[in-house]
């Protein structure tokens, strides 16, 4: 018995889950199998090709008549299988691992395996990229939120990165507010002369007496502020730290994020223009606080009775 050849395909080639197997119709039409095999042999051969496609490794079959009879469509009829075995196994070769390999099927399997590996790499890279993007968005949202900037959750990543970059550049550009000490320059010296070597060196300029110091010029009048131009609601609309403190003091019953989102949605859809959007926002929150006060007052409280903001009795009253 001769030495069996090595398998023509790697042992880890697994095409399970890929139901499509390419068929070279011209190659099959001109093959010895199509020309010389009987109908039963041809049918059994095609059934074995299909079975080998989802074996491990792909393109191989176990060297067992019982298994081959089942794969070829003969079920438990091993005798019937053996009648067509030689014709049906045309093109299969027994290799050193005691499995049968078909050269054409393994050739197609290697092409399909390369495509599957490439596809998996692309998917893994895309999955890793999306995870990195999600982590980056979460980090940038948190940095901006700590700076008092509330953004919609679906803002494009490019805009989010631009705003985050601007925030970081602003931090890097801030200088220390510690006192600055200015040192005096060394006293200037003057040199006079005609260039003939008779000049006087190291002569200090005359110092003006304190009593004769000129009065400082009067400060220039501050320019009159230009009236603000009306504009649409900026994108994004940033809630500053001062605005947050104001909302806590003046509108404690109003949910900052929810009410700001209502404010933004309203003016985005309205398309109106304002000269001072923070002032408009504060007016909106004052109205929301008034509405909350009315709800907390309840129908049983007299309308002329002042509202005690320190009382929590409103929590026990029914919600209108």
C-alpha atoms as a PDB file:
ATOM      1  CA  UNK A   1       0.000   0.000   0.000  1.00  0.00           C
ATOM      2  CA  UNK A   2       1.411   3.404  -1.057  1.00  0.00           C
ATOM      3  CA  UNK A   3       1.890   6.365   1.197  1.00  0.00           C
ATOM      4  CA  UNK A   4      -1.308   8.353   1.558  1.00  0.00           C
ATOM      5  CA  UNK A   5      -1.066  12.032   0.611  1.00  0.00           C
ATOM      6  CA  UNK A   6      -1.555  14.871   3.063  1.00  0.00           C
ATOM      7  CA  UNK A   7      -5.007  16.513   3.119  1.00  0.00           C
ATOM      8  CA  UNK A   8      -5.282  19.261   0.494  1.00  0.00           C
ATOM      9  CA  UNK A   9      -7.016  21.628   2.916  1.00  0.00           C
ATOM     10  CA  UNK A  10      -6.392  22.891   6.444  1.00  0.00           C
ATOM     11  CA  UNK A  11      -8.079  20.980   9.248  1.00  0.00           C
ATOM     12  CA  UNK A  12      -9.742  24.147  10.647  1.00  0.00           C
ATOM     13  CA  UNK A  13     -11.698  25.028   7.496  1.00  0.00           C
ATOM     14  CA  UNK A  14     -15.303  25.063   8.709  1.00  0.00           C
ATOM     15  CA  UNK A  15     -18.055  26.178   6.312  1.00  0.00           C
ATOM     16  CA  UNK A  16     -20.997  25.115   8.419  1.00  0.00           C
ATOM     17  CA  UNK A  17     -23.731  27.716   8.199  1.00  0.00           C
ATOM     18  CA  UNK A  18     -22.900  28.466   4.552  1.00  0.00           C
ATOM     19  CA  UNK A  19     -25.558  26.588   2.550  1.00  0.00           C
ATOM     20  CA  UNK A  20     -24.350  27.891  -0.822  1.00  0.00           C
ATOM     21  CA  UNK A  21     -21.776  25.744  -2.650  1.00  0.00           C
ATOM     22  CA  UNK A  22     -20.466  27.057  -6.003  1.00  0.00           C
ATOM     23  CA  UNK A  23     -20.866  24.722  -8.987  1.00  0.00           C
ATOM     24  CA  UNK A  24     -18.620  25.006 -12.044  1.00  0.00           C
ATOM     25  CA  UNK A  25     -21.203  23.914 -14.624  1.00  0.00           C
ATOM     26  CA  UNK A  26     -18.806  23.765 -17.612  1.00  0.00           C
ATOM     27  CA  UNK A  27     -16.318  21.735 -15.626  1.00  0.00           C
ATOM     28  CA  UNK A  28     -19.027  19.346 -14.482  1.00  0.00           C
ATOM     29  CA  UNK A  29     -20.540  19.013 -17.950  1.00  0.00           C
ATOM     30  CA  UNK A  30     -17.180  17.980 -19.505  1.00  0.00           C
ATOM     31  CA  UNK A  31     -16.095  15.722 -16.617  1.00  0.00           C
ATOM     32  CA  UNK A  32     -15.669  11.948 -16.820  1.00  0.00           C
ATOM     33  CA  UNK A  33     -18.366  11.591 -14.157  1.00  0.00           C
ATOM     34  CA  UNK A  34     -21.001  13.280 -16.325  1.00  0.00           C
ATOM     35  CA  UNK A  35     -19.948  11.289 -19.404  1.00  0.00           C
ATOM     36  CA  UNK A  36     -19.396   7.791 -17.975  1.00  0.00           C
ATOM     37  CA  UNK A  37     -21.407   7.502 -14.717  1.00  0.00           C
ATOM     38  CA  UNK A  38     -24.872   6.000 -14.497  1.00  0.00           C
ATOM     39  CA  UNK A  39     -27.786   8.003 -13.261  1.00  0.00           C
ATOM     40  CA  UNK A  40     -27.582   6.449  -9.754  1.00  0.00           C
ATOM     41  CA  UNK A  41     -23.835   7.051  -9.584  1.00  0.00           C
ATOM     42  CA  UNK A  42     -24.214  10.673 -10.689  1.00  0.00           C
ATOM     43  CA  UNK A  43     -26.963  11.348  -8.177  1.00  0.00           C
ATOM     44  CA  UNK A  44     -24.995   9.745  -5.342  1.00  0.00           C
ATOM     45  CA  UNK A  45     -21.855  11.721  -6.332  1.00  0.00           C
ATOM     46  CA  UNK A  46     -23.668  15.068  -6.197  1.00  0.00           C
ATOM     47  CA  UNK A  47     -25.184  14.139  -2.821  1.00  0.00           C
ATOM     48  CA  UNK A  48     -21.683  13.352  -1.488  1.00  0.00           C
ATOM     49  CA  UNK A  49     -20.329  16.714  -2.732  1.00  0.00           C
ATOM     50  CA  UNK A  50     -23.110  18.500  -0.873  1.00  0.00           C
ATOM     51  CA  UNK A  51     -22.458  16.479   2.303  1.00  0.00           C
ATOM     52  CA  UNK A  52     -18.701  17.169   2.170  1.00  0.00           C
ATOM     53  CA  UNK A  53     -19.255  20.959   1.957  1.00  0.00           C
ATOM     54  CA  UNK A  54     -20.366  21.143   5.602  1.00  0.00           C
ATOM     55  CA  UNK A  55     -17.928  18.565   6.966  1.00  0.00           C
ATOM     56  CA  UNK A  56     -14.819  19.509   8.949  1.00  0.00           C
ATOM     57  CA  UNK A  57     -12.583  20.070   7.160  1.00  0.00           C
ATOM     58  CA  UNK A  58     -14.763  21.189   4.267  1.00  0.00           C
ATOM     59  CA  UNK A  59     -14.579  19.055   1.123  1.00  0.00           C
ATOM     60  CA  UNK A  60     -13.949  15.818   3.042  1.00  0.00           C
ATOM     61  CA  UNK A  61     -15.963  12.723   4.004  1.00  0.00           C
ATOM     62  CA  UNK A  62     -15.497   9.971   6.602  1.00  0.00           C
ATOM     63  CA  UNK A  63     -14.076   6.744   5.179  1.00  0.00           C
ATOM     64  CA  UNK A  64     -17.011   4.628   6.330  1.00  0.00           C
ATOM     65  CA  UNK A  65     -19.501   2.820   4.074  1.00  0.00           C
ATOM     66  CA  UNK A  66     -22.262   3.234   6.657  1.00  0.00           C
ATOM     67  CA  UNK A  67     -21.823   7.003   6.752  1.00  0.00           C
ATOM     68  CA  UNK A  68     -21.275   7.294   2.993  1.00  0.00           C
ATOM     69  CA  UNK A  69     -24.453   5.294   2.276  1.00  0.00           C
ATOM     70  CA  UNK A  70     -26.449   7.720   4.420  1.00  0.00           C
ATOM     71  CA  UNK A  71     -24.851  10.813   2.834  1.00  0.00           C
ATOM     72  CA  UNK A  72     -25.403   9.429  -0.679  1.00  0.00           C
ATOM     73  CA  UNK A  73     -29.143   8.997  -0.075  1.00  0.00           C
ATOM     74  CA  UNK A  74     -29.184   5.219   0.481  1.00  0.00           C
ATOM     75  CA  UNK A  75     -29.974   5.369   4.170  1.00  0.00           C
ATOM     76  CA  UNK A  76     -29.122   2.012   5.767  1.00  0.00           C
ATOM     77  CA  UNK A  77     -28.959   0.208   2.403  1.00  0.00           C
ATOM     78  CA  UNK A  78     -25.189  -0.353   2.447  1.00  0.00           C
ATOM     79  CA  UNK A  79     -25.476  -3.054  -0.263  1.00  0.00           C
ATOM     80  CA  UNK A  80     -27.206  -0.646  -2.618  1.00  0.00           C
ATOM     81  CA  UNK A  81     -24.540   1.974  -1.865  1.00  0.00           C
ATOM     82  CA  UNK A  82     -21.672  -0.404  -2.664  1.00  0.00           C
ATOM     83  CA  UNK A  83     -23.126  -0.975  -6.153  1.00  0.00           C
ATOM     84  CA  UNK A  84     -22.558   2.688  -7.047  1.00  0.00           C
ATOM     85  CA  UNK A  85     -19.615   3.391  -4.726  1.00  0.00           C
ATOM     86  CA  UNK A  86     -16.820   3.402  -7.301  1.00  0.00           C
ATOM     87  CA  UNK A  87     -18.627   5.751  -9.660  1.00  0.00           C
ATOM     88  CA  UNK A  88     -19.976   8.010  -6.893  1.00  0.00           C
ATOM     89  CA  UNK A  89     -16.527   8.434  -5.285  1.00  0.00           C
ATOM     90  CA  UNK A  90     -14.889   9.496  -8.538  1.00  0.00           C
ATOM     91  CA  UNK A  91     -12.568  12.386  -7.711  1.00  0.00           C
ATOM     92  CA  UNK A  92     -12.306  11.530  -3.983  1.00  0.00           C
ATOM     93  CA  UNK A  93      -8.870  10.534  -2.612  1.00  0.00           C
ATOM     94  CA  UNK A  94      -8.092   8.891   0.718  1.00  0.00           C
ATOM     95  CA  UNK A  95      -5.539  10.983   2.653  1.00  0.00           C
ATOM     96  CA  UNK A  96      -3.249  10.425   5.636  1.00  0.00           C
ATOM     97  CA  UNK A  97      -5.959  11.343   8.159  1.00  0.00           C
ATOM     98  CA  UNK A  98      -8.122   8.443   6.867  1.00  0.00           C
ATOM     99  CA  UNK A  99     -10.704  10.809   5.325  1.00  0.00           C
ATOM    100  CA  UNK A 100     -11.780  11.145   1.692  1.00  0.00           C
ATOM    101  CA  UNK A 101     -11.132  14.479  -0.075  1.00  0.00           C
ATOM    102  CA  UNK A 102     -12.453  15.756  -3.413  1.00  0.00           C
ATOM    103  CA  UNK A 103      -9.950  18.056  -5.118  1.00  0.00           C
ATOM    104  CA  UNK A 104     -12.547  20.284  -6.808  1.00  0.00           C
ATOM    105  CA  UNK A 105     -14.760  20.649  -3.725  1.00  0.00           C
ATOM    106  CA  UNK A 106     -11.764  21.474  -1.507  1.00  0.00           C
ATOM    107  CA  UNK A 107     -10.601  24.050  -4.069  1.00  0.00           C
ATOM    108  CA  UNK A 108     -13.969  25.832  -3.883  1.00  0.00           C
ATOM    109  CA  UNK A 109     -13.998  25.424  -0.089  1.00  0.00           C
ATOM    110  CA  UNK A 110     -10.643  27.212   0.273  1.00  0.00           C
ATOM    111  CA  UNK A 111     -11.966  30.176  -1.734  1.00  0.00           C
ATOM    112  CA  UNK A 112     -15.097  30.332   0.410  1.00  0.00           C
ATOM    113  CA  UNK A 113     -13.041  30.027   3.602  1.00  0.00           C
ATOM    114  CA  UNK A 114     -10.833  32.964   2.617  1.00  0.00           C
ATOM    115  CA  UNK A 115     -13.942  35.090   2.054  1.00  0.00           C
ATOM    116  CA  UNK A 116     -15.391  34.009   5.418  1.00  0.00           C
ATOM    117  CA  UNK A 117     -12.161  34.873   7.276  1.00  0.00           C
ATOM    118  CA  UNK A 118     -12.022  38.275   5.583  1.00  0.00           C
ATOM    119  CA  UNK A 119     -15.686  38.915   6.378  1.00  0.00           C
ATOM    120  CA  UNK A 120     -15.169  37.996  10.037  1.00  0.00           C
ATOM    121  CA  UNK A 121     -12.159  40.310  10.266  1.00  0.00           C
ATOM    122  CA  UNK A 122     -14.172  43.161   8.783  1.00  0.00           C
ATOM    123  CA  UNK A 123     -17.059  42.504  11.185  1.00  0.00           C
ATOM    124  CA  UNK A 124     -14.731  42.246  14.186  1.00  0.00           C
ATOM    125  CA  UNK A 125     -12.972  45.476  13.206  1.00  0.00           C
ATOM    126  CA  UNK A 126     -16.305  47.229  12.687  1.00  0.00           C
ATOM    127  CA  UNK A 127     -17.568  45.934  16.024  1.00  0.00           C
ATOM    128  CA  UNK A 128     -14.421  47.143  17.781  1.00  0.00           C
ATOM    129  CA  UNK A 129     -14.674  50.519  16.010  1.00  0.00           C
ATOM    130  CA  UNK A 130     -18.289  50.980  17.085  1.00  0.00           C
ATOM    131  CA  UNK A 131     -17.428  50.046  20.669  1.00  0.00           C
ATOM    132  CA  UNK A 132     -14.603  52.587  20.684  1.00  0.00           C
ATOM    133  CA  UNK A 133     -16.969  55.204  19.276  1.00  0.00           C
ATOM    134  CA  UNK A 134     -19.566  54.441  21.974  1.00  0.00           C
ATOM    135  CA  UNK A 135     -16.901  54.737  24.681  1.00  0.00           C
ATOM    136  CA  UNK A 136     -15.620  58.014  23.182  1.00  0.00           C
ATOM    137  CA  UNK A 137     -19.138  59.477  22.964  1.00  0.00           C
ATOM    138  CA  UNK A 138     -19.832  58.542  26.580  1.00  0.00           C
ATOM    139  CA  UNK A 139     -16.595  60.183  27.728  1.00  0.00           C
ATOM    140  CA  UNK A 140     -17.174  63.355  25.678  1.00  0.00           C
ATOM    141  CA  UNK A 141     -20.798  63.678  26.837  1.00  0.00           C
ATOM    142  CA  UNK A 142     -19.615  63.423  30.444  1.00  0.00           C
ATOM    143  CA  UNK A 143     -16.872  66.044  29.975  1.00  0.00           C
ATOM    144  CA  UNK A 144     -19.289  68.465  28.326  1.00  0.00           C
ATOM    145  CA  UNK A 145     -21.996  67.811  30.919  1.00  0.00           C
ATOM    146  CA  UNK A 146     -19.574  68.690  33.718  1.00  0.00           C
ATOM    147  CA  UNK A 147     -18.874  71.937  31.866  1.00  0.00           C
ATOM    148  CA  UNK A 148     -22.616  72.741  31.859  1.00  0.00           C
ATOM    149  CA  UNK A 149     -23.196  71.800  28.211  1.00  0.00           C
ATOM    150  CA  UNK A 150     -26.239  69.558  27.668  1.00  0.00           C
ATOM    151  CA  UNK A 151     -26.461  68.036  24.196  1.00  0.00           C
ATOM    152  CA  UNK A 152     -29.113  65.863  22.513  1.00  0.00           C
ATOM    153  CA  UNK A 153     -28.286  62.163  22.680  1.00  0.00           C
ATOM    154  CA  UNK A 154     -28.360  61.758  18.891  1.00  0.00           C
ATOM    155  CA  UNK A 155     -25.941  64.550  18.007  1.00  0.00           C
ATOM    156  CA  UNK A 156     -23.582  63.414  15.201  1.00  0.00           C
ATOM    157  CA  UNK A 157     -20.225  62.191  16.438  1.00  0.00           C
ATOM    158  CA  UNK A 158     -18.369  64.704  14.255  1.00  0.00           C
ATOM    159  CA  UNK A 159     -20.161  67.640  15.916  1.00  0.00           C
ATOM    160  CA  UNK A 160     -19.655  66.097  19.354  1.00  0.00           C
ATOM    161  CA  UNK A 161     -15.909  65.758  18.738  1.00  0.00           C
ATOM    162  CA  UNK A 162     -15.698  69.339  17.497  1.00  0.00           C
ATOM    163  CA  UNK A 163     -17.423  70.686  20.634  1.00  0.00           C
ATOM    164  CA  UNK A 164     -15.276  68.515  22.900  1.00  0.00           C
ATOM    165  CA  UNK A 165     -12.126  69.688  21.125  1.00  0.00           C
ATOM    166  CA  UNK A 166     -13.200  73.312  21.560  1.00  0.00           C
ATOM    167  CA  UNK A 167     -13.766  72.642  25.263  1.00  0.00           C
ATOM    168  CA  UNK A 168     -10.269  71.189  25.673  1.00  0.00           C
ATOM    169  CA  UNK A 169      -8.682  74.023  23.712  1.00  0.00           C
ATOM    170  CA  UNK A 170     -10.462  76.489  25.989  1.00  0.00           C
ATOM    171  CA  UNK A 171      -9.041  74.754  29.063  1.00  0.00           C
ATOM    172  CA  UNK A 172      -5.516  74.741  27.650  1.00  0.00           C
ATOM    173  CA  UNK A 173      -5.750  78.446  26.804  1.00  0.00           C
ATOM    174  CA  UNK A 174      -6.628  79.536  30.387  1.00  0.00           C
ATOM    175  CA  UNK A 175      -3.696  81.083  32.216  1.00  0.00           C
ATOM    176  CA  UNK A 176      -3.112  81.279  35.942  1.00  0.00           C
ATOM    177  CA  UNK A 177      -4.809  84.091  37.844  1.00  0.00           C
ATOM    178  CA  UNK A 178      -2.012  84.410  40.391  1.00  0.00           C
ATOM    179  CA  UNK A 179      -0.517  87.902  40.885  1.00  0.00           C
ATOM    180  CA  UNK A 180       2.073  88.847  38.328  1.00  0.00           C
ATOM    181  CA  UNK A 181       5.239  90.558  39.509  1.00  0.00           C
ATOM    182  CA  UNK A 182       6.736  92.979  37.006  1.00  0.00           C
ATOM    183  CA  UNK A 183      10.440  93.606  37.449  1.00  0.00           C
ATOM    184  CA  UNK A 184      12.038  96.869  36.421  1.00  0.00           C
ATOM    185  CA  UNK A 185      14.473  97.149  33.588  1.00  0.00           C
ATOM    186  CA  UNK A 186      18.093  97.980  34.246  1.00  0.00           C
ATOM    187  CA  UNK A 187      18.664 101.738  34.010  1.00  0.00           C
ATOM    188  CA  UNK A 188      19.389 102.880  30.503  1.00  0.00           C
ATOM    189  CA  UNK A 189      22.610 104.681  29.890  1.00  0.00           C
ATOM    190  CA  UNK A 190      23.201 107.374  27.314  1.00  0.00           C
ATOM    191  CA  UNK A 191      26.228 108.018  25.328  1.00  0.00           C
ATOM    192  CA  UNK A 192      26.870 111.453  23.872  1.00  0.00           C
ATOM    193  CA  UNK A 193      29.588 112.666  21.650  1.00  0.00           C
ATOM    194  CA  UNK A 194      30.588 113.550  18.171  1.00  0.00           C
ATOM    195  CA  UNK A 195      32.229 110.278  17.345  1.00  0.00           C
ATOM    196  CA  UNK A 196      35.738 111.636  17.943  1.00  0.00           C
ATOM    197  CA  UNK A 197      36.251 109.925  21.253  1.00  0.00           C
ATOM    198  CA  UNK A 198      35.390 112.959  23.384  1.00  0.00           C
ATOM    199  CA  UNK A 199      31.890 111.882  24.333  1.00  0.00           C
ATOM    200  CA  UNK A 200      30.721 111.188  27.893  1.00  0.00           C
ATOM    201  CA  UNK A 201      29.916 107.567  28.618  1.00  0.00           C
ATOM    202  CA  UNK A 202      27.466 106.064  31.103  1.00  0.00           C
ATOM    203  CA  UNK A 203      25.556 109.288  31.629  1.00  0.00           C
ATOM    204  CA  UNK A 204      22.112 108.574  33.083  1.00  0.00           C
ATOM    205  CA  UNK A 205      19.138 110.475  31.684  1.00  0.00           C
ATOM    206  CA  UNK A 206      17.666 113.146  33.943  1.00  0.00           C
ATOM    207  CA  UNK A 207      14.933 112.033  36.328  1.00  0.00           C
ATOM    208  CA  UNK A 208      11.761 114.053  36.566  1.00  0.00           C
ATOM    209  CA  UNK A 209      11.087 115.171  40.149  1.00  0.00           C
ATOM    210  CA  UNK A 210       8.074 113.658  41.831  1.00  0.00           C
ATOM    211  CA  UNK A 211       6.401 117.013  42.131  1.00  0.00           C
ATOM    212  CA  UNK A 212       6.687 117.538  38.429  1.00  0.00           C
ATOM    213  CA  UNK A 213       5.275 114.209  37.308  1.00  0.00           C
ATOM    214  CA  UNK A 214       2.647 114.710  34.634  1.00  0.00           C
ATOM    215  CA  UNK A 215      -0.874 113.768  35.541  1.00  0.00           C
ATOM    216  CA  UNK A 216      -2.089 110.539  33.951  1.00  0.00           C
ATOM    217  CA  UNK A 217      -4.387 111.025  30.992  1.00  0.00           C
ATOM    218  CA  UNK A 218      -8.076 110.759  31.667  1.00  0.00           C
ATOM    219  CA  UNK A 219      -9.493 107.327  30.837  1.00  0.00           C
ATOM    220  CA  UNK A 220     -11.276 107.097  27.527  1.00  0.00           C
ATOM    221  CA  UNK A 221     -15.046 106.830  27.837  1.00  0.00           C
ATOM    222  CA  UNK A 222     -16.328 103.295  27.511  1.00  0.00           C
ATOM    223  CA  UNK A 223     -17.939 102.657  24.154  1.00  0.00           C
ATOM    224  CA  UNK A 224     -21.679 102.350  24.227  1.00  0.00           C
ATOM    225  CA  UNK A 225     -22.803  98.733  23.970  1.00  0.00           C
ATOM    226  CA  UNK A 226     -24.187  97.790  20.622  1.00  0.00           C
ATOM    227  CA  UNK A 227     -27.722  96.454  20.649  1.00  0.00           C
ATOM    228  CA  UNK A 228     -27.841  92.697  20.307  1.00  0.00           C
ATOM    229  CA  UNK A 229     -29.087  91.302  17.039  1.00  0.00           C
ATOM    230  CA  UNK A 230     -31.848  88.769  17.109  1.00  0.00           C
ATOM    231  CA  UNK A 231     -30.866  85.252  16.089  1.00  0.00           C
ATOM    232  CA  UNK A 232     -32.248  81.737  16.097  1.00  0.00           C
ATOM    233  CA  UNK A 233     -31.610  79.376  18.990  1.00  0.00           C
ATOM    234  CA  UNK A 234     -27.918  78.365  18.840  1.00  0.00           C
ATOM    235  CA  UNK A 235     -26.968  74.790  18.087  1.00  0.00           C
ATOM    236  CA  UNK A 236     -26.199  73.397  20.594  1.00  0.00           C
ATOM    237  CA  UNK A 237     -27.943  75.377  23.317  1.00  0.00           C
ATOM    238  CA  UNK A 238     -25.552  75.330  26.290  1.00  0.00           C
ATOM    239  CA  UNK A 239     -26.750  75.674  29.881  1.00  0.00           C
ATOM    240  CA  UNK A 240     -23.916  77.378  31.739  1.00  0.00           C
ATOM    241  CA  UNK A 241     -22.976  76.868  35.366  1.00  0.00           C
ATOM    242  CA  UNK A 242     -24.475  80.249  36.314  1.00  0.00           C
ATOM    243  CA  UNK A 243     -27.749  79.299  34.629  1.00  0.00           C
ATOM    244  CA  UNK A 244     -27.815  76.034  36.599  1.00  0.00           C
ATOM    245  CA  UNK A 245     -27.294  77.901  39.899  1.00  0.00           C
ATOM    246  CA  UNK A 246     -30.039  80.353  38.933  1.00  0.00           C
ATOM    247  CA  UNK A 247     -32.447  77.480  38.177  1.00  0.00           C
ATOM    248  CA  UNK A 248     -31.755  75.863  41.564  1.00  0.00           C
ATOM    249  CA  UNK A 249     -32.498  79.162  43.374  1.00  0.00           C
ATOM    250  CA  UNK A 250     -35.409  80.477  41.311  1.00  0.00           C
ATOM    251  CA  UNK A 251     -37.049  77.363  39.844  1.00  0.00           C
ATOM    252  CA  UNK A 252     -36.400  74.513  42.292  1.00  0.00           C
ATOM    253  CA  UNK A 253     -39.544  72.601  41.306  1.00  0.00           C
ATOM    254  CA  UNK A 254     -38.604  72.463  37.613  1.00  0.00           C
ATOM    255  CA  UNK A 255     -36.626  69.532  36.171  1.00  0.00           C
ATOM    256  CA  UNK A 256     -33.609  71.175  34.540  1.00  0.00           C
ATOM    257  CA  UNK A 257     -32.937  68.665  31.729  1.00  0.00           C
ATOM    258  CA  UNK A 258     -36.549  67.887  30.826  1.00  0.00           C
ATOM    259  CA  UNK A 259     -37.680  71.505  30.825  1.00  0.00           C
ATOM    260  CA  UNK A 260     -34.618  72.614  28.830  1.00  0.00           C
ATOM    261  CA  UNK A 261     -35.411  69.928  26.249  1.00  0.00           C
ATOM    262  CA  UNK A 262     -38.995  71.251  26.020  1.00  0.00           C
ATOM    263  CA  UNK A 263     -37.592  74.751  25.604  1.00  0.00           C
ATOM    264  CA  UNK A 264     -35.196  73.669  22.831  1.00  0.00           C
ATOM    265  CA  UNK A 265     -37.820  71.578  21.011  1.00  0.00           C
ATOM    266  CA  UNK A 266     -40.328  74.437  21.106  1.00  0.00           C
ATOM    267  CA  UNK A 267     -37.997  77.071  19.718  1.00  0.00           C
ATOM    268  CA  UNK A 268     -36.445  74.694  17.183  1.00  0.00           C
ATOM    269  CA  UNK A 269     -39.895  74.002  15.790  1.00  0.00           C
ATOM    270  CA  UNK A 270     -41.051  77.604  16.176  1.00  0.00           C
ATOM    271  CA  UNK A 271     -38.052  79.027  14.364  1.00  0.00           C
ATOM    272  CA  UNK A 272     -38.316  82.314  16.268  1.00  0.00           C
ATOM    273  CA  UNK A 273     -35.447  84.706  16.893  1.00  0.00           C
ATOM    274  CA  UNK A 274     -34.384  86.333  20.150  1.00  0.00           C
ATOM    275  CA  UNK A 275     -31.722  88.838  21.125  1.00  0.00           C
ATOM    276  CA  UNK A 276     -30.967  87.154  24.484  1.00  0.00           C
ATOM    277  CA  UNK A 277     -31.615  83.424  24.604  1.00  0.00           C
ATOM    278  CA  UNK A 278     -30.452  82.905  28.230  1.00  0.00           C
ATOM    279  CA  UNK A 279     -32.962  85.570  29.319  1.00  0.00           C
ATOM    280  CA  UNK A 280     -35.685  83.821  27.282  1.00  0.00           C
ATOM    281  CA  UNK A 281     -34.714  80.540  28.952  1.00  0.00           C
ATOM    282  CA  UNK A 282     -34.991  82.115  32.418  1.00  0.00           C
ATOM    283  CA  UNK A 283     -38.418  83.540  31.554  1.00  0.00           C
ATOM    284  CA  UNK A 284     -39.500  80.066  30.414  1.00  0.00           C
ATOM    285  CA  UNK A 285     -38.312  78.535  33.705  1.00  0.00           C
ATOM    286  CA  UNK A 286     -40.055  81.191  35.795  1.00  0.00           C
ATOM    287  CA  UNK A 287     -43.327  80.381  34.032  1.00  0.00           C
ATOM    288  CA  UNK A 288     -42.728  76.662  34.628  1.00  0.00           C
ATOM    289  CA  UNK A 289     -42.093  77.388  38.307  1.00  0.00           C
ATOM    290  CA  UNK A 290     -45.334  79.394  38.495  1.00  0.00           C
ATOM    291  CA  UNK A 291     -47.205  76.459  36.944  1.00  0.00           C
ATOM    292  CA  UNK A 292     -45.640  74.133  39.502  1.00  0.00           C
ATOM    293  CA  UNK A 293     -46.618  76.492  42.323  1.00  0.00           C
ATOM    294  CA  UNK A 294     -50.241  76.513  41.133  1.00  0.00           C
ATOM    295  CA  UNK A 295     -50.272  72.734  41.006  1.00  0.00           C
ATOM    296  CA  UNK A 296     -48.828  72.513  44.497  1.00  0.00           C
ATOM    297  CA  UNK A 297     -51.294  75.071  45.875  1.00  0.00           C
ATOM    298  CA  UNK A 298     -54.278  72.748  45.300  1.00  0.00           C
ATOM    299  CA  UNK A 299     -57.961  73.619  44.852  1.00  0.00           C
ATOM    300  CA  UNK A 300     -58.681  73.661  48.612  1.00  0.00           C
ATOM    301  CA  UNK A 301     -56.223  76.482  49.425  1.00  0.00           C
ATOM    302  CA  UNK A 302     -57.719  80.002  49.290  1.00  0.00           C
ATOM    303  CA  UNK A 303     -56.425  81.938  46.319  1.00  0.00           C
ATOM    304  CA  UNK A 304     -55.504  84.955  48.511  1.00  0.00           C
ATOM    305  CA  UNK A 305     -53.407  82.842  50.933  1.00  0.00           C
ATOM    306  CA  UNK A 306     -49.670  83.283  50.278  1.00  0.00           C
ATOM    307  CA  UNK A 307     -47.746  80.170  49.255  1.00  0.00           C
ATOM    308  CA  UNK A 308     -45.338  78.887  51.882  1.00  0.00           C
ATOM    309  CA  UNK A 309     -42.368  77.622  49.859  1.00  0.00           C
ATOM    310  CA  UNK A 310     -40.949  75.819  52.913  1.00  0.00           C
ATOM    311  CA  UNK A 311     -44.093  73.716  53.469  1.00  0.00           C
ATOM    312  CA  UNK A 312     -44.346  70.152  52.139  1.00  0.00           C
ATOM    313  CA  UNK A 313     -48.095  69.795  52.652  1.00  0.00           C
ATOM    314  CA  UNK A 314     -48.570  69.897  48.888  1.00  0.00           C
ATOM    315  CA  UNK A 315     -47.139  66.368  48.679  1.00  0.00           C
ATOM    316  CA  UNK A 316     -50.247  65.032  50.430  1.00  0.00           C
ATOM    317  CA  UNK A 317     -52.719  66.773  48.114  1.00  0.00           C
ATOM    318  CA  UNK A 318     -54.153  65.118  44.986  1.00  0.00           C
ATOM    319  CA  UNK A 319     -52.482  65.942  41.677  1.00  0.00           C
ATOM    320  CA  UNK A 320     -54.754  67.953  39.378  1.00  0.00           C
END
